[in-house]
Amino acid sequence: STVTLSGNAFIDREGDTVSGSVITYNTKTSVYTVKGGKNAGKRGRV
């Protein structure tokens, strides 16, 4: 029950936003795991 977004990853849940290099989102629990990286912009920050 996960969606993994990679490369300029972005999620918006009703105005709450998350961005980074890789985001793993659990579709049942609505829990995000966000990772930065050298290609995430702003020096790898999330």
All heavy atoms as atom14 arrays in JSON, in Angstrom:
{
  "sequence": "STVTLSGNAFIDREGDTVSGSVITYNTKTSVYTVKGGKNAGKRGRV",
  "atom14_mask": [
    [1, 1, 1, 1, 1, 1, 0, 0, 0, 0, 0, 0, 0, 0],
    [1, 1, 1, 1, 1, 1, 1, 0, 0, 0, 0, 0, 0, 0],
    [1, 1, 1, 1, 1, 1, 1, 0, 0, 0, 0, 0, 0, 0],
    [1, 1, 1, 1, 1, 1, 1, 0, 0, 0, 0, 0, 0, 0],
    [1, 1, 1, 1, 1, 1, 1, 1, 0, 0, 0, 0, 0, 0],
    [1, 1, 1, 1, 1, 1, 0, 0, 0, 0, 0, 0, 0, 0],
    [1, 1, 1, 1, 0, 0, 0, 0, 0, 0, 0, 0, 0, 0],
    [1, 1, 1, 1, 1, 1, 1, 1, 0, 0, 0, 0, 0, 0],
    [1, 1, 1, 1, 1, 0, 0, 0, 0, 0, 0, 0, 0, 0],
    [1, 1, 1, 1, 1, 1, 1, 1, 1, 1, 1, 0, 0, 0],
    [1, 1, 1, 1, 1, 1, 1, 1, 0, 0, 0, 0, 0, 0],
    [1, 1, 1, 1, 1, 1, 1, 1, 0, 0, 0, 0, 0, 0],
    [1, 1, 1, 1, 1, 1, 1, 1, 1, 1, 1, 0, 0, 0],
    [1, 1, 1, 1, 1, 1, 1, 1, 1, 0, 0, 0, 0, 0],
    [1, 1, 1, 1, 0, 0, 0, 0, 0, 0, 0, 0, 0, 0],
    [1, 1, 1, 1, 1, 1, 1, 1, 0, 0, 0, 0, 0, 0],
    [1, 1, 1, 1, 1, 1, 1, 0, 0, 0, 0, 0, 0, 0],
    [1, 1, 1, 1, 1, 1, 1, 0, 0, 0, 0, 0, 0, 0],
    [1, 1, 1, 1, 1, 1, 0, 0, 0, 0, 0, 0, 0, 0],
    [1, 1, 1, 1, 0, 0, 0, 0, 0, 0, 0, 0, 0, 0],
    [1, 1, 1, 1, 1, 1, 0, 0, 0, 0, 0, 0, 0, 0],
    [1, 1, 1, 1, 1, 1, 1, 0, 0, 0, 0, 0, 0, 0],
    [1, 1, 1, 1, 1, 1, 1, 1, 0, 0, 0, 0, 0, 0],
    [1, 1, 1, 1, 1, 1, 1, 0, 0, 0, 0, 0, 0, 0],
    [1, 1, 1, 1, 1, 1, 1, 1, 1, 1, 1, 1, 0, 0],
    [1, 1, 1, 1, 1, 1, 1, 1, 0, 0, 0, 0, 0, 0],
    [1, 1, 1, 1, 1, 1, 1, 0, 0, 0, 0, 0, 0, 0],
    [1, 1, 1, 1, 1, 1, 1, 1, 1, 0, 0, 0, 0, 0],
    [1, 1, 1, 1, 1, 1, 1, 0, 0, 0, 0, 0, 0, 0],
    [1, 1, 1, 1, 1, 1, 0, 0, 0, 0, 0, 0, 0, 0],
    [1, 1, 1, 1, 1, 1, 1, 0, 0, 0, 0, 0, 0, 0],
    [1, 1, 1, 1, 1, 1, 1, 1, 1, 1, 1, 1, 0, 0],
    [1, 1, 1, 1, 1, 1, 1, 0, 0, 0, 0, 0, 0, 0],
    [1, 1, 1, 1, 1, 1, 1, 0, 0, 0, 0, 0, 0, 0],
    [1, 1, 1, 1, 1, 1, 1, 1, 1, 0, 0, 0, 0, 0],
    [1, 1, 1, 1, 0, 0, 0, 0, 0, 0, 0, 0, 0, 0],
    [1, 1, 1, 1, 0, 0, 0, 0, 0, 0, 0, 0, 0, 0],
    [1, 1, 1, 1, 1, 1, 1, 1, 1, 0, 0, 0, 0, 0],
    [1, 1, 1, 1, 1, 1, 1, 1, 0, 0, 0, 0, 0, 0],
    [1, 1, 1, 1, 1, 0, 0, 0, 0, 0, 0, 0, 0, 0],
    [1, 1, 1, 1, 0, 0, 0, 0, 0, 0, 0, 0, 0, 0],
    [1, 1, 1, 1, 1, 1, 1, 1, 1, 0, 0, 0, 0, 0],
    [1, 1, 1, 1, 1, 1, 1, 1, 1, 1, 1, 0, 0, 0],
    [1, 1, 1, 1, 0, 0, 0, 0, 0, 0, 0, 0, 0, 0],
    [1, 1, 1, 1, 1, 1, 1, 1, 1, 1, 1, 0, 0, 0],
    [1, 1, 1, 1, 1, 1, 1, 0, 0, 0, 0, 0, 0, 0]
  ],
  "atom14_positions": [
    [[0.83, -1.21, 0.0], [0.0, 0.0, 0.0], [0.85, 1.26, 0.0], [0.59, 2.22, 0.73], [-0.96, 0.02, 1.2], [-1.83, -1.07, 1.14], [0.0, 0.0, 0.0], [0.0, 0.0, 0.0], [0.0, 0.0, 0.0], [0.0, 0.0, 0.0], [0.0, 0.0, 0.0], [0.0, 0.0, 0.0], [0.0, 0.0, 0.0], [0.0, 0.0, 0.0]],
    [[1.91, 1.26, -0.82], [2.78, 2.43, -0.89], [2.87, 2.97, -2.32], [2.77, 2.23, -3.29], [4.21, 2.12, -0.41], [4.76, 1.07, -1.2], [4.22, 1.74, 1.06], [0.0, 0.0, 0.0], [0.0, 0.0, 0.0], [0.0, 0.0, 0.0], [0.0, 0.0, 0.0], [0.0, 0.0, 0.0], [0.0, 0.0, 0.0], [0.0, 0.0, 0.0]],
    [[3.06, 4.27, -2.38], [3.4, 4.95, -3.62], [4.76, 5.58, -3.39], [4.95, 6.33, -2.43], [2.36, 6.05, -3.97], [2.77, 6.78, -5.24], [0.98, 5.46, -4.12], [0.0, 0.0, 0.0], [0.0, 0.0, 0.0], [0.0, 0.0, 0.0], [0.0, 0.0, 0.0], [0.0, 0.0, 0.0], [0.0, 0.0, 0.0], [0.0, 0.0, 0.0]],
    [[5.74, 5.26, -4.24], [7.06, 5.84, -4.13], [7.26, 6.78, -5.31], [7.16, 6.37, -6.46], [8.15, 4.76, -4.12], [7.91, 3.88, -3.02], [9.54, 5.38, -3.99], [0.0, 0.0, 0.0], [0.0, 0.0, 0.0], [0.0, 0.0, 0.0], [0.0, 0.0, 0.0], [0.0, 0.0, 0.0], [0.0, 0.0, 0.0], [0.0, 0.0, 0.0]],
    [[7.51, 8.04, -4.99], [7.74, 9.07, -6.0], [9.21, 9.42, -5.97], [9.77, 9.65, -4.89], [6.91, 10.32, -5.69], [5.39, 10.14, -5.66], [4.93, 9.81, -4.27], [4.72, 11.39, -6.16], [0.0, 0.0, 0.0], [0.0, 0.0, 0.0], [0.0, 0.0, 0.0], [0.0, 0.0, 0.0], [0.0, 0.0, 0.0], [0.0, 0.0, 0.0]],
    [[9.86, 9.46, -7.12], [11.28, 9.8, -7.14], [11.58, 10.77, -8.28], [10.96, 10.72, -9.33], [12.14, 8.53, -7.27], [11.8, 7.81, -8.42], [0.0, 0.0, 0.0], [0.0, 0.0, 0.0], [0.0, 0.0, 0.0], [0.0, 0.0, 0.0], [0.0, 0.0, 0.0], [0.0, 0.0, 0.0], [0.0, 0.0, 0.0], [0.0, 0.0, 0.0]],
    [[12.53, 11.65, -8.0], [12.91, 12.68, -8.97], [11.93, 13.83, -8.93], [10.82, 13.72, -9.42], [0.0, 0.0, 0.0], [0.0, 0.0, 0.0], [0.0, 0.0, 0.0], [0.0, 0.0, 0.0], [0.0, 0.0, 0.0], [0.0, 0.0, 0.0], [0.0, 0.0, 0.0], [0.0, 0.0, 0.0], [0.0, 0.0, 0.0], [0.0, 0.0, 0.0]],
    [[12.3, 14.92, -8.26], [11.43, 16.1, -8.13], [10.07, 15.72, -7.55], [9.02, 16.12, -8.04], [11.26, 16.81, -9.48], [12.57, 17.29, -10.03], [13.33, 17.94, -9.33], [12.85, 16.97, -11.28], [0.0, 0.0, 0.0], [0.0, 0.0, 0.0], [0.0, 0.0, 0.0], [0.0, 0.0, 0.0], [0.0, 0.0, 0.0], [0.0, 0.0, 0.0]],
    [[10.09, 14.92, -6.49], [8.87, 14.39, -5.89], [8.13, 15.45, -5.1], [8.73, 16.26, -4.4], [9.21, 13.21, -4.99], [0.0, 0.0, 0.0], [0.0, 0.0, 0.0], [0.0, 0.0, 0.0], [0.0, 0.0, 0.0], [0.0, 0.0, 0.0], [0.0, 0.0, 0.0], [0.0, 0.0, 0.0], [0.0, 0.0, 0.0], [0.0, 0.0, 0.0]],
    [[6.81, 15.44, -5.21], [5.95, 16.42, -4.53], [4.62, 15.77, -4.2], [4.04, 15.08, -5.04], [5.73, 17.63, -5.44], [4.81, 18.66, -4.86], [5.28, 19.62, -3.99], [3.46, 18.67, -5.2], [4.43, 20.59, -3.46], [2.6, 19.62, -4.67], [3.09, 20.58, -3.8], [0.0, 0.0, 0.0], [0.0, 0.0, 0.0], [0.0, 0.0, 0.0]],
    [[4.12, 16.0, -2.98], [2.79, 15.55, -2.57], [2.07, 16.7, -1.89], [2.64, 17.43, -1.1], [2.86, 14.33, -1.62], [3.34, 13.09, -2.38], [1.5, 14.05, -0.98], [3.4, 11.83, -1.53], [0.0, 0.0, 0.0], [0.0, 0.0, 0.0], [0.0, 0.0, 0.0], [0.0, 0.0, 0.0], [0.0, 0.0, 0.0], [0.0, 0.0, 0.0]],
    [[0.79, 16.84, -2.2], [-0.08, 17.83, -1.58], [-1.31, 17.11, -1.03], [-2.04, 16.46, -1.77], [-0.52, 18.87, -2.62], [-1.45, 19.95, -2.06], [-2.13, 19.72, -1.04], [-1.48, 21.03, -2.65], [0.0, 0.0, 0.0], [0.0, 0.0, 0.0], [0.0, 0.0, 0.0], [0.0, 0.0, 0.0], [0.0, 0.0, 0.0], [0.0, 0.0, 0.0]],
    [[-1.5, 17.21, 0.29], [-2.7, 16.65, 0.91], [-3.46, 17.81, 1.54], [-3.12, 18.3, 2.62], [-2.35, 15.63, 1.99], [-3.59, 15.1, 2.67], [-3.28, 14.19, 3.81], [-4.52, 13.9, 4.51], [-4.76, 12.8, 5.16], [-3.85, 11.87, 5.24], [-5.92, 12.63, 5.77], [0.0, 0.0, 0.0], [0.0, 0.0, 0.0], [0.0, 0.0, 0.0]],
    [[-4.45, 18.29, 0.81], [-5.32, 19.36, 1.32], [-4.52, 20.56, 1.82], [-4.82, 21.13, 2.86], [-6.23, 18.82, 2.41], [-7.2, 17.74, 1.95], [-8.23, 18.25, 0.94], [-8.83, 19.31, 1.17], [-8.42, 17.57, -0.08], [0.0, 0.0, 0.0], [0.0, 0.0, 0.0], [0.0, 0.0, 0.0], [0.0, 0.0, 0.0], [0.0, 0.0, 0.0]],
    [[-3.47, 20.94, 1.09], [-2.67, 22.11, 1.44], [-1.42, 21.81, 2.23], [-0.54, 22.65, 2.32], [0.0, 0.0, 0.0], [0.0, 0.0, 0.0], [0.0, 0.0, 0.0], [0.0, 0.0, 0.0], [0.0, 0.0, 0.0], [0.0, 0.0, 0.0], [0.0, 0.0, 0.0], [0.0, 0.0, 0.0], [0.0, 0.0, 0.0], [0.0, 0.0, 0.0]],
    [[-1.31, 20.62, 2.83], [-0.07, 20.19, 3.46], [0.82, 19.64, 2.35], [0.39, 18.74, 1.62], [-0.31, 19.09, 4.51], [-1.1, 19.57, 5.71], [-1.19, 20.79, 5.92], [-1.62, 18.71, 6.44], [0.0, 0.0, 0.0], [0.0, 0.0, 0.0], [0.0, 0.0, 0.0], [0.0, 0.0, 0.0], [0.0, 0.0, 0.0], [0.0, 0.0, 0.0]],
    [[2.02, 20.2, 2.18], [2.86, 19.79, 1.06], [4.19, 19.22, 1.55], [4.71, 19.61, 2.59], [3.13, 20.96, 0.1], [3.83, 21.99, 0.8], [1.84, 21.49, -0.49], [0.0, 0.0, 0.0], [0.0, 0.0, 0.0], [0.0, 0.0, 0.0], [0.0, 0.0, 0.0], [0.0, 0.0, 0.0], [0.0, 0.0, 0.0], [0.0, 0.0, 0.0]],
    [[4.71, 18.28, 0.76], [5.98, 17.63, 1.03], [6.71, 17.53, -0.3], [6.13, 17.17, -1.32], [5.78, 16.2, 1.6], [7.09, 15.51, 1.86], [4.93, 16.23, 2.85], [0.0, 0.0, 0.0], [0.0, 0.0, 0.0], [0.0, 0.0, 0.0], [0.0, 0.0, 0.0], [0.0, 0.0, 0.0], [0.0, 0.0, 0.0], [0.0, 0.0, 0.0]],
    [[8.02, 17.9, -0.31], [8.81, 17.73, -1.52], [10.2, 17.26, -1.16], [10.7, 17.51, -0.06], [8.86, 19.03, -2.33], [9.52, 20.03, -1.6], [0.0, 0.0, 0.0], [0.0, 0.0, 0.0], [0.0, 0.0, 0.0], [0.0, 0.0, 0.0], [0.0, 0.0, 0.0], [0.0, 0.0, 0.0], [0.0, 0.0, 0.0], [0.0, 0.0, 0.0]],
    [[10.82, 16.55, -2.09], [12.17, 16.04, -1.89], [12.59, 15.21, -3.08], [11.92, 15.18, -4.11], [0.0, 0.0, 0.0], [0.0, 0.0, 0.0], [0.0, 0.0, 0.0], [0.0, 0.0, 0.0], [0.0, 0.0, 0.0], [0.0, 0.0, 0.0], [0.0, 0.0, 0.0], [0.0, 0.0, 0.0], [0.0, 0.0, 0.0], [0.0, 0.0, 0.0]],
    [[13.68, 14.5, -2.93], [14.17, 13.65, -4.01], [13.33, 12.39, -4.14], [12.98, 11.97, -5.23], [15.64, 13.3, -3.75], [16.15, 12.54, -4.81], [0.0, 0.0, 0.0], [0.0, 0.0, 0.0], [0.0, 0.0, 0.0], [0.0, 0.0, 0.0], [0.0, 0.0, 0.0], [0.0, 0.0, 0.0], [0.0, 0.0, 0.0], [0.0, 0.0, 0.0]],
    [[13.01, 11.77, -2.98], [12.2, 10.55, -2.96], [11.19, 10.67, -1.83], [11.54, 10.99, -0.7], [13.06, 9.29, -2.74], [12.19, 8.04, -2.67], [14.11, 9.14, -3.84], [0.0, 0.0, 0.0], [0.0, 0.0, 0.0], [0.0, 0.0, 0.0], [0.0, 0.0, 0.0], [0.0, 0.0, 0.0], [0.0, 0.0, 0.0], [0.0, 0.0, 0.0]],
    [[9.93, 10.4, -2.14], [8.87, 10.36, -1.13], [8.2, 9.0, -1.21], [7.8, 8.57, -2.29], [7.8, 11.45, -1.36], [8.42, 12.84, -1.36], [6.7, 11.34, -0.3], [7.45, 13.93, -1.78], [0.0, 0.0, 0.0], [0.0, 0.0, 0.0], [0.0, 0.0, 0.0], [0.0, 0.0, 0.0], [0.0, 0.0, 0.0], [0.0, 0.0, 0.0]],
    [[8.09, 8.33, -0.08], [7.3, 7.11, 0.0], [6.07, 7.44, 0.83], [6.17, 7.92, 1.96], [8.1, 5.96, 0.65], [9.28, 5.73, -0.13], [7.27, 4.68, 0.69], [0.0, 0.0, 0.0], [0.0, 0.0, 0.0], [0.0, 0.0, 0.0], [0.0, 0.0, 0.0], [0.0, 0.0, 0.0], [0.0, 0.0, 0.0], [0.0, 0.0, 0.0]],
    [[4.9, 7.18, 0.26], [3.62, 7.52, 0.89], [2.81, 6.25, 1.08], [2.6, 5.5, 0.13], [2.87, 8.52, 0.0], [1.45, 8.77, 0.4], [1.14, 9.42, 1.59], [0.4, 8.34, -0.39], [-0.17, 9.65, 1.97], [-0.92, 8.57, -0.04], [-1.19, 9.21, 1.15], [-2.49, 9.43, 1.51], [0.0, 0.0, 0.0], [0.0, 0.0, 0.0]],
    [[2.4, 5.98, 2.32], [1.56, 4.83, 2.6], [0.11, 5.25, 2.39], [-0.4, 6.13, 3.09], [1.79, 4.33, 4.03], [1.05, 3.06, 4.31], [-0.17, 3.0, 4.17], [1.78, 2.03, 4.7], [0.0, 0.0, 0.0], [0.0, 0.0, 0.0], [0.0, 0.0, 0.0], [0.0, 0.0, 0.0], [0.0, 0.0, 0.0], [0.0, 0.0, 0.0]],
    [[-0.57, 4.61, 1.45], [-1.93, 5.01, 1.09], [-2.96, 4.61, 2.14], [-4.06, 5.13, 2.14], [-2.34, 4.41, -0.27], [-2.3, 2.99, -0.19], [-1.44, 4.91, -1.38], [0.0, 0.0, 0.0], [0.0, 0.0, 0.0], [0.0, 0.0, 0.0], [0.0, 0.0, 0.0], [0.0, 0.0, 0.0], [0.0, 0.0, 0.0], [0.0, 0.0, 0.0]],
    [[-2.62, 3.7, 3.05], [-3.56, 3.31, 4.12], [-3.38, 4.15, 5.37], [-4.35, 4.51, 6.02], [-3.39, 1.84, 4.45], [-3.86, 0.94, 3.34], [-4.06, -0.47, 3.79], [-4.45, -1.28, 2.57], [-5.43, -2.25, 2.81], [0.0, 0.0, 0.0], [0.0, 0.0, 0.0], [0.0, 0.0, 0.0], [0.0, 0.0, 0.0], [0.0, 0.0, 0.0]],
    [[-2.14, 4.46, 5.73], [-1.88, 5.19, 6.98], [-1.63, 6.68, 6.75], [-1.58, 7.43, 7.72], [-0.65, 4.61, 7.7], [0.51, 4.81, 6.87], [-0.83, 3.12, 7.99], [0.0, 0.0, 0.0], [0.0, 0.0, 0.0], [0.0, 0.0, 0.0], [0.0, 0.0, 0.0], [0.0, 0.0, 0.0], [0.0, 0.0, 0.0], [0.0, 0.0, 0.0]],
    [[-1.45, 7.1, 5.51], [-1.13, 8.49, 5.15], [0.19, 8.96, 5.76], [0.38, 10.14, 6.03], [-2.26, 9.44, 5.54], [-3.42, 9.14, 4.82], [0.0, 0.0, 0.0], [0.0, 0.0, 0.0], [0.0, 0.0, 0.0], [0.0, 0.0, 0.0], [0.0, 0.0, 0.0], [0.0, 0.0, 0.0], [0.0, 0.0, 0.0], [0.0, 0.0, 0.0]],
    [[1.13, 8.04, 5.99], [2.45, 8.38, 6.54], [3.42, 8.57, 5.38], [3.46, 7.77, 4.45], [2.95, 7.28, 7.49], [4.39, 7.54, 7.92], [2.05, 7.18, 8.71], [0.0, 0.0, 0.0], [0.0, 0.0, 0.0], [0.0, 0.0, 0.0], [0.0, 0.0, 0.0], [0.0, 0.0, 0.0], [0.0, 0.0, 0.0], [0.0, 0.0, 0.0]],
    [[4.2, 9.67, 5.45], [5.2, 9.99, 4.43], [6.6, 9.7, 4.96], [6.88, 9.95, 6.12], [5.2, 11.48, 4.08], [3.9, 12.09, 3.71], [3.14, 12.78, 4.66], [3.42, 12.02, 2.42], [1.94, 13.38, 4.31], [2.22, 12.62, 2.06], [1.49, 13.29, 3.02], [0.32, 13.88, 2.68], [0.0, 0.0, 0.0], [0.0, 0.0, 0.0]],
    [[7.48, 9.25, 4.07], [8.91, 9.22, 4.34], [9.54, 10.02, 3.21], [9.31, 9.72, 2.04], [9.46, 7.77, 4.33], [8.76, 7.0, 5.29], [10.93, 7.76, 4.65], [0.0, 0.0, 0.0], [0.0, 0.0, 0.0], [0.0, 0.0, 0.0], [0.0, 0.0, 0.0], [0.0, 0.0, 0.0], [0.0, 0.0, 0.0], [0.0, 0.0, 0.0]],
    [[10.31, 11.05, 3.56], [10.88, 11.95, 2.56], [12.39, 11.94, 2.65], [12.95, 12.02, 3.74], [10.38, 13.39, 2.77], [10.83, 14.28, 1.62], [8.88, 13.44, 2.93], [0.0, 0.0, 0.0], [0.0, 0.0, 0.0], [0.0, 0.0, 0.0], [0.0, 0.0, 0.0], [0.0, 0.0, 0.0], [0.0, 0.0, 0.0], [0.0, 0.0, 0.0]],
    [[13.06, 11.83, 1.51], [14.52, 11.86, 1.46], [14.96, 12.97, 0.52], [14.36, 13.18, -0.52], [15.08, 10.53, 0.95], [14.77, 9.36, 1.86], [15.34, 8.08, 1.29], [14.98, 6.9, 2.19], [15.49, 5.64, 1.65], [0.0, 0.0, 0.0], [0.0, 0.0, 0.0], [0.0, 0.0, 0.0], [0.0, 0.0, 0.0], [0.0, 0.0, 0.0]],
    [[16.01, 13.64, 0.92], [16.64, 14.62, 0.05], [17.7, 13.93, -0.78], [17.9, 12.74, -0.69], [0.0, 0.0, 0.0], [0.0, 0.0, 0.0], [0.0, 0.0, 0.0], [0.0, 0.0, 0.0], [0.0, 0.0, 0.0], [0.0, 0.0, 0.0], [0.0, 0.0, 0.0], [0.0, 0.0, 0.0], [0.0, 0.0, 0.0], [0.0, 0.0, 0.0]],
    [[18.38, 14.67, -1.58], [19.45, 14.12, -2.4], [20.1, 15.23, -3.17], [19.61, 16.36, -3.2], [0.0, 0.0, 0.0], [0.0, 0.0, 0.0], [0.0, 0.0, 0.0], [0.0, 0.0, 0.0], [0.0, 0.0, 0.0], [0.0, 0.0, 0.0], [0.0, 0.0, 0.0], [0.0, 0.0, 0.0], [0.0, 0.0, 0.0], [0.0, 0.0, 0.0]],
    [[21.2, 14.92, -3.8], [21.93, 15.97, -4.5], [21.11, 16.6, -5.62], [21.37, 17.71, -6.02], [23.25, 15.44, -5.04], [23.12, 14.36, -6.09], [24.47, 13.87, -6.54], [24.33, 12.79, -7.59], [25.59, 12.3, -8.05], [0.0, 0.0, 0.0], [0.0, 0.0, 0.0], [0.0, 0.0, 0.0], [0.0, 0.0, 0.0], [0.0, 0.0, 0.0]],
    [[20.09, 15.9, -6.12], [19.25, 16.45, -7.18], [17.96, 17.04, -6.64], [17.1, 17.42, -7.4], [18.92, 15.36, -8.21], [20.16, 14.88, -8.93], [21.08, 15.65, -9.15], [20.2, 13.61, -9.27], [0.0, 0.0, 0.0], [0.0, 0.0, 0.0], [0.0, 0.0, 0.0], [0.0, 0.0, 0.0], [0.0, 0.0, 0.0], [0.0, 0.0, 0.0]],
    [[17.81, 17.12, -5.31], [16.57, 17.62, -4.72], [16.52, 19.14, -4.68], [15.52, 19.71, -4.29], [16.4, 17.07, -3.3], [0.0, 0.0, 0.0], [0.0, 0.0, 0.0], [0.0, 0.0, 0.0], [0.0, 0.0, 0.0], [0.0, 0.0, 0.0], [0.0, 0.0, 0.0], [0.0, 0.0, 0.0], [0.0, 0.0, 0.0], [0.0, 0.0, 0.0]],
    [[17.57, 19.8, -5.09], [17.6, 21.26, -5.04], [17.91, 21.73, -3.63], [17.84, 20.99, -2.67], [0.0, 0.0, 0.0], [0.0, 0.0, 0.0], [0.0, 0.0, 0.0], [0.0, 0.0, 0.0], [0.0, 0.0, 0.0], [0.0, 0.0, 0.0], [0.0, 0.0, 0.0], [0.0, 0.0, 0.0], [0.0, 0.0, 0.0], [0.0, 0.0, 0.0]],
    [[18.27, 22.97, -3.49], [18.57, 23.56, -2.19], [19.49, 22.65, -1.37], [19.25, 22.38, -0.2], [17.29, 23.88, -1.42], [16.43, 24.91, -2.11], [15.23, 25.25, -1.27], [14.35, 26.23, -2.02], [13.13, 26.53, -1.28], [0.0, 0.0, 0.0], [0.0, 0.0, 0.0], [0.0, 0.0, 0.0], [0.0, 0.0, 0.0], [0.0, 0.0, 0.0]],
    [[20.51, 22.13, -2.0], [21.52, 21.29, -1.36], [20.96, 20.03, -0.72], [21.36, 19.63, 0.36], [22.31, 22.1, -0.34], [23.1, 23.2, -1.0], [23.92, 23.95, 0.01], [24.03, 25.3, -0.48], [23.73, 26.38, 0.22], [23.34, 26.29, 1.44], [23.83, 27.56, -0.32], [0.0, 0.0, 0.0], [0.0, 0.0, 0.0], [0.0, 0.0, 0.0]],
    [[20.0, 19.41, -1.36], [19.49, 18.13, -0.9], [18.47, 18.2, 0.2], [18.13, 17.19, 0.79], [0.0, 0.0, 0.0], [0.0, 0.0, 0.0], [0.0, 0.0, 0.0], [0.0, 0.0, 0.0], [0.0, 0.0, 0.0], [0.0, 0.0, 0.0], [0.0, 0.0, 0.0], [0.0, 0.0, 0.0], [0.0, 0.0, 0.0], [0.0, 0.0, 0.0]],
    [[17.95, 19.35, 0.46], [16.99, 19.5, 1.54], [15.61, 19.02, 1.11], [15.28, 19.0, -0.07], [16.89, 20.95, 1.98], [18.17, 21.43, 2.6], [18.03, 22.85, 3.05], [19.29, 23.31, 3.61], [19.54, 24.55, 3.89], [18.65, 25.47, 3.67], [20.71, 24.89, 4.4], [0.0, 0.0, 0.0], [0.0, 0.0, 0.0], [0.0, 0.0, 0.0]],
    [[14.81, 18.67, 2.11], [13.41, 18.38, 1.87], [12.6, 19.56, 2.37], [13.08, 20.38, 3.17], [12.96, 17.08, 2.56], [13.76, 15.89, 2.06], [13.05, 17.18, 4.07], [0.0, 0.0, 0.0], [0.0, 0.0, 0.0], [0.0, 0.0, 0.0], [0.0, 0.0, 0.0], [0.0, 0.0, 0.0], [0.0, 0.0, 0.0], [0.0, 0.0, 0.0]]
  ]
}
